[in-house]
Amino acid sequence: MEFVIKYMLVMIGLIAIIIIYSMARLGEENEKRKINFKKISNKKYPIKPVNKKIFIYIIGVFLIIAGYRNLKSNENTIKNTADLQNSYQNEKQIIKIGNRNAIYSVTQNDEIKKIEEIIIRGCKGKEMCEIDKTFEYVTNKPYMLSDHDRNPNEVINLDGGDCDEKSFLFASMLKERNHKCVIIFTKKHAFVAVYLKDRSNLYPHTASLEIDGKYYFYAETTAKGSHIGWFNGVEPKDFKGIYDVNEEKEIAMNEVALNLN
C-alpha cells in the first residue's frame, strides 16, 4: 500500500506539470487577445502579469523528486527486509539430540542485542537482575502454536511462540550477556535451565540440574508469572536430550542429576 501511494505521488507530480503548463499556455493566449483588443481600442498597454510557470514547474519537479526518492527508499527497505529474513532463516540449524534430529534456533543479532540492552537497563551487570528481567520479558510473550518453526526474531515481532520457540528466544538473549544455559528437550516439550553463580535471591523450593558440578535452574518460559527455579514437573526420566547453548554440544544424560530444594 505504501509503495502505491509513493508511485501515485510521482504520477501526480507529472500530471500537475502537464495541467499547469496547459493552463499557462491558455493564459498566454488570453493575454495576447486582451492586448490586441486594447491596442485596437487605443487604450494604455497593460502591464504584463508575473509569469507563474517557473514557480509551478518547481513545485511539480519537487513532487517528482520526492516521490522518486521515496520509491528508491521503499525498494531498499524491501530488499533489506528480505535479506534480514533470509539471514534469520539461515540461522536455524538441525542438531542431534539423543536418537533424533531437532531444529535449533538460538541466534545472536542486532535486534535481539538492542532489546536485551533495553530490558536489563538499570541492572548494572547484576546476574540475577539481568536473568530475571529477561525471563519476565519472554514469559510475558503469549503462548502461540504455529505451522512452522519461528525463529527468535519472529517470536519478538509476532509477539508470541510455543515452548521451543520461546526457549530459543530466552537462550539467545541469555547468550548475548554470556549467561550459561542449557535447553532440555522432551518428546513434546522444550525448556531452559540457566546457571547461576549467586543463588542468594532465588525463591524457595527450586528445581535445578546438576551438570559437571554446576547448578542450572529450571526456567519454564511458557508459564507466565513463574520464576527462575520453578519446577514444571519434568524429570530427567522424561528428557530426550540436553543441549549446552554456550558450548554448542549435547550433554550426556548420565552426567545430569535433578535437585529439588
Protein backbone atom coordinates (compact mmCIF):
# COMPACT_ATOMS: atom_id res chain seq x y z
CA MET A 1 0.00 0.00 0.00
CA GLU A 2 2.82 2.38 0.88
CA PHE A 3 4.51 1.64 -2.46
CA VAL A 4 1.28 2.50 -4.35
CA ILE A 5 0.95 5.82 -2.53
CA LYS A 6 4.51 6.81 -3.36
CA TYR A 7 4.03 5.78 -7.00
CA MET A 8 0.87 7.92 -7.14
CA LEU A 9 2.84 10.86 -5.74
CA VAL A 10 5.19 10.73 -8.72
CA MET A 11 2.29 10.48 -11.15
CA ILE A 12 0.50 13.41 -9.52
CA GLY A 13 3.64 15.50 -9.96
CA LEU A 14 3.79 14.68 -13.68
CA ILE A 15 0.08 15.32 -14.21
CA ALA A 16 0.34 18.59 -12.28
CA ILE A 17 3.10 19.84 -14.61
CA ILE A 18 1.10 18.89 -17.72
CA ILE A 19 -2.12 20.53 -16.49
CA ILE A 20 -0.37 23.64 -15.24
CA TYR A 21 1.63 24.01 -18.46
CA SER A 22 -1.60 23.77 -20.49
CA MET A 23 -3.29 26.36 -18.27
CA ALA A 24 -0.27 28.65 -18.57
CA ARG A 25 -0.37 28.41 -22.37
CA LEU A 26 -4.07 29.14 -22.37
CA GLY A 27 -3.48 32.13 -20.10
CA GLU A 28 -0.85 33.50 -22.51
CA GLU A 29 -3.28 33.24 -25.42
CA ASN A 30 -5.92 35.10 -23.43
CA GLU A 31 -3.43 37.84 -22.54
CA LYS A 32 -2.49 38.25 -26.18
CA ARG A 33 -6.14 38.64 -27.12
CA LYS A 34 -6.63 41.26 -24.39
CA ILE A 35 -3.54 43.17 -25.54
CA ASN A 36 -4.67 43.18 -29.16
CA PHE A 37 -8.12 44.35 -28.17
CA LYS A 38 -6.74 47.18 -26.06
CA LYS A 39 -4.39 48.28 -28.83
CA ILE A 40 -7.34 48.49 -31.19
CA SER A 41 -9.27 50.48 -28.60
CA ASN A 42 -6.31 52.90 -28.21
CA LYS A 43 -6.14 52.14 -24.54
CA LYS A 44 -2.99 52.13 -22.47
CA TYR A 45 -0.82 48.99 -22.92
CA PRO A 46 -1.30 46.79 -19.84
CA ILE A 47 1.46 45.67 -17.53
CA LYS A 48 2.23 42.00 -18.26
CA PRO A 49 1.38 39.86 -15.25
CA VAL A 50 4.12 37.92 -13.46
CA ASN A 51 4.85 34.64 -15.22
CA LYS A 52 3.87 31.85 -12.81
CA LYS A 53 5.14 28.96 -14.90
CA ILE A 54 8.59 28.79 -13.31
CA PHE A 55 7.15 28.64 -9.80
CA ILE A 56 4.66 25.94 -10.82
CA TYR A 57 7.32 23.87 -12.58
CA ILE A 58 9.46 23.94 -9.43
CA ILE A 59 6.57 22.51 -7.40
CA GLY A 60 5.98 19.77 -9.96
CA VAL A 61 9.64 18.82 -10.16
CA PHE A 62 9.86 18.77 -6.35
CA LEU A 63 6.93 16.33 -6.18
CA ILE A 64 8.56 14.05 -8.76
CA ILE A 65 11.94 14.06 -6.98
CA ALA A 66 10.35 13.45 -3.58
CA GLY A 67 8.27 10.59 -4.96
CA TYR A 68 11.26 9.03 -6.74
CA ARG A 69 13.43 9.17 -3.65
CA ASN A 70 10.67 7.57 -1.59
CA LEU A 71 10.28 4.84 -4.21
CA LYS A 72 14.02 4.06 -4.08
CA SER A 73 13.93 4.12 -0.31
CA ASN A 74 10.98 1.71 -0.34
CA GLU A 75 12.83 -0.64 -2.72
CA ASN A 76 15.89 -0.63 -0.46
CA THR A 77 13.71 -1.28 2.60
CA ILE A 78 12.05 -4.23 0.91
CA LYS A 79 15.44 -5.60 -0.16
CA ASN A 80 16.97 -5.14 3.30
CA THR A 81 13.94 -6.74 4.98
CA ALA A 82 14.12 -9.71 2.64
CA ASP A 83 17.86 -10.07 3.27
CA LEU A 84 17.27 -9.88 7.02
CA GLN A 85 14.55 -12.51 6.89
CA ASN A 86 16.77 -14.80 4.82
CA SER A 87 19.58 -14.25 7.31
CA TYR A 88 17.32 -15.20 10.23
CA GLN A 89 16.04 -18.23 8.31
CA ASN A 90 19.57 -19.41 7.61
CA GLU A 91 20.39 -19.25 11.32
CA LYS A 92 18.12 -22.24 12.01
CA GLN A 93 20.11 -25.44 12.46
CA ILE A 94 19.45 -29.11 12.84
CA ILE A 95 21.15 -30.68 15.87
CA LYS A 96 21.37 -34.21 17.12
CA ILE A 97 19.50 -34.77 20.38
CA GLY A 98 19.56 -38.31 21.67
CA ASN A 99 18.42 -40.53 18.82
CA ARG A 100 16.59 -37.82 16.89
CA ASN A 101 17.22 -34.60 14.99
CA ALA A 102 15.82 -31.32 16.33
CA ILE A 103 15.52 -27.79 14.99
CA TYR A 104 17.79 -25.43 16.90
CA SER A 105 17.31 -21.69 16.55
CA VAL A 106 19.45 -19.95 19.16
CA THR A 107 20.94 -16.91 17.45
CA GLN A 108 22.60 -13.55 18.03
CA ASN A 109 21.85 -10.43 16.00
CA ASP A 110 21.40 -6.67 16.39
CA GLU A 111 17.66 -6.76 17.08
CA ILE A 112 17.99 -9.21 19.96
CA LYS A 113 21.01 -7.34 21.32
CA LYS A 114 19.18 -3.98 21.35
CA ILE A 115 16.10 -5.41 23.06
CA GLU A 116 18.22 -7.17 25.68
CA GLU A 117 20.08 -3.93 26.41
CA ILE A 118 16.76 -2.14 26.98
CA ILE A 119 15.37 -4.93 29.18
CA ILE A 120 18.34 -5.09 31.55
CA ARG A 121 18.78 -1.32 31.79
CA GLY A 122 19.30 -0.49 35.46
CA CYS A 123 20.65 -3.92 36.42
CA LYS A 124 24.22 -2.61 36.44
CA GLY A 125 25.63 -6.00 35.50
CA LYS A 126 23.94 -7.93 38.33
CA GLU A 127 23.47 -11.52 37.23
CA MET A 128 20.12 -12.32 38.85
CA CYS A 129 18.60 -8.99 37.82
CA GLU A 130 19.51 -9.50 34.16
CA ILE A 131 18.26 -13.08 34.08
CA ASP A 132 15.02 -12.26 35.93
CA LYS A 133 14.15 -9.31 33.68
CA THR A 134 14.90 -11.31 30.54
CA PHE A 135 12.86 -14.24 31.82
CA GLU A 136 9.92 -11.97 32.60
CA TYR A 137 10.06 -10.45 29.10
CA VAL A 138 9.95 -13.86 27.42
CA THR A 139 7.32 -15.44 29.68
CA ASN A 140 5.02 -12.47 29.06
CA LYS A 141 5.03 -13.34 25.35
CA PRO A 142 1.77 -15.25 24.70
CA TYR A 143 1.91 -18.97 24.02
CA MET A 144 1.10 -19.47 20.34
CA LEU A 145 1.10 -22.64 18.27
CA SER A 146 2.32 -22.37 14.68
CA ASP A 147 2.51 -24.38 11.48
CA HIS A 148 6.21 -23.56 11.08
CA ASP A 149 9.19 -23.07 13.37
CA ARG A 150 9.53 -19.39 14.27
CA ASN A 151 13.00 -18.02 14.92
CA PRO A 152 13.64 -15.71 17.92
CA ASN A 153 13.12 -12.54 15.88
CA GLU A 154 9.75 -13.78 14.67
CA VAL A 155 8.72 -14.53 18.26
CA ILE A 156 9.60 -10.92 19.11
CA ASN A 157 7.86 -9.36 16.12
CA LEU A 158 4.81 -11.64 16.14
CA ASP A 159 4.63 -11.31 19.94
CA GLY A 160 4.34 -14.98 20.75
CA GLY A 161 5.59 -18.52 20.29
CA ASP A 162 5.38 -22.09 21.52
CA CYS A 163 7.62 -23.83 24.05
CA ASP A 164 10.73 -24.42 21.96
CA GLU A 165 10.45 -21.05 20.15
CA LYS A 166 10.25 -19.12 23.42
CA SER A 167 13.08 -21.24 24.83
CA PHE A 168 15.26 -20.36 21.83
CA LEU A 169 14.47 -16.66 22.32
CA PHE A 170 15.32 -16.81 26.04
CA ALA A 171 18.54 -18.71 25.37
CA SER A 172 19.50 -16.26 22.61
CA MET A 173 19.06 -13.31 24.96
CA LEU A 174 20.98 -15.01 27.76
CA LYS A 175 23.80 -15.78 25.37
CA GLU A 176 24.01 -12.09 24.44
CA ARG A 177 25.02 -11.46 28.06
CA ASN A 178 27.22 -14.57 28.33
CA HIS A 179 24.91 -16.26 30.84
CA LYS A 180 25.32 -20.02 30.68
CA CYS A 181 22.24 -22.11 29.95
CA VAL A 182 21.06 -25.41 28.53
CA ILE A 183 17.94 -26.41 26.63
CA ILE A 184 16.12 -29.57 27.70
CA PHE A 185 14.15 -31.48 25.08
CA THR A 186 11.37 -33.95 25.87
CA LYS A 187 9.08 -35.81 23.50
CA LYS A 188 6.66 -32.88 23.18
CA HIS A 189 8.24 -30.05 25.12
CA ALA A 190 11.37 -27.91 25.50
CA PHE A 191 12.53 -25.56 28.25
CA VAL A 192 15.64 -23.79 29.51
CA ALA A 193 17.77 -24.25 32.60
CA VAL A 194 20.11 -21.37 33.48
CA TYR A 195 23.31 -21.44 35.52
CA LEU A 196 23.53 -19.07 38.49
CA LYS A 197 26.70 -18.11 40.30
CA ASP A 198 24.80 -16.24 43.01
CA ARG A 199 21.76 -18.15 44.34
CA SER A 200 21.04 -15.90 47.31
CA ASN A 201 18.00 -14.22 45.71
CA LEU A 202 16.26 -17.36 44.49
CA TYR A 203 12.71 -18.25 45.51
CA PRO A 204 12.39 -21.13 47.98
CA HIS A 205 11.59 -24.63 46.67
CA THR A 206 13.51 -24.60 43.42
CA ALA A 207 14.38 -27.20 40.81
CA SER A 208 17.81 -27.43 39.25
CA LEU A 209 20.01 -29.77 37.25
CA GLU A 210 23.49 -30.54 38.45
CA ILE A 211 25.77 -30.75 35.41
CA ASP A 212 29.53 -31.11 35.84
CA GLY A 213 29.36 -29.63 39.35
CA LYS A 214 27.30 -26.60 38.27
CA TYR A 215 23.63 -25.97 39.06
CA TYR A 216 21.30 -25.00 36.22
CA PHE A 217 17.91 -23.78 37.42
CA TYR A 218 14.66 -24.53 35.63
CA ALA A 219 13.26 -21.65 33.57
CA GLU A 220 9.86 -22.56 32.13
CA THR A 221 9.12 -19.83 29.56
CA THR A 222 5.54 -20.96 28.87
CA ALA A 223 4.44 -20.44 32.50
CA LYS A 224 3.51 -16.77 32.80
CA GLY A 225 4.10 -15.46 36.31
CA SER A 226 6.54 -18.23 37.20
CA HIS A 227 10.10 -17.65 38.37
CA ILE A 228 13.60 -18.99 37.88
CA GLY A 229 13.76 -22.37 39.62
CA TRP A 230 10.02 -23.08 39.37
CA PHE A 231 9.53 -26.83 38.92
CA ASN A 232 7.46 -27.66 35.85
CA GLY A 233 7.06 -31.33 36.75
CA VAL A 234 9.50 -32.59 34.11
CA GLU A 235 12.09 -35.04 35.45
CA PRO A 236 15.23 -36.48 33.81
CA LYS A 237 13.35 -39.71 33.00
CA ASP A 238 11.27 -37.58 30.61
CA PHE A 239 14.28 -35.98 28.92
CA LYS A 240 15.15 -36.87 25.34
CA GLY A 241 18.29 -34.76 25.38
CA ILE A 242 20.06 -31.69 26.77
CA TYR A 243 21.97 -29.18 24.68
CA ASP A 244 24.60 -26.79 26.04
CA VAL A 245 23.89 -23.41 24.41
CA ASN A 246 27.28 -21.85 25.18
CA GLU A 247 29.43 -24.87 24.36
CA GLU A 248 27.14 -25.84 21.46
CA LYS A 249 27.17 -29.53 22.20
CA GLU A 250 24.90 -32.23 23.59
CA ILE A 251 25.30 -33.19 27.24
CA ALA A 252 25.40 -36.85 28.18
CA MET A 253 22.30 -37.84 30.17
CA ASN A 254 24.33 -39.80 32.72
CA GLU A 255 26.05 -36.55 33.73
CA VAL A 256 22.78 -34.94 34.87
CA ALA A 257 21.09 -35.06 38.29
CA LEU A 258 17.86 -33.38 39.41
CA ASN A 259 17.83 -31.36 42.64
CA LEU A 260 14.59 -30.26 44.31
CA ASN A 261 15.02 -27.88 47.28
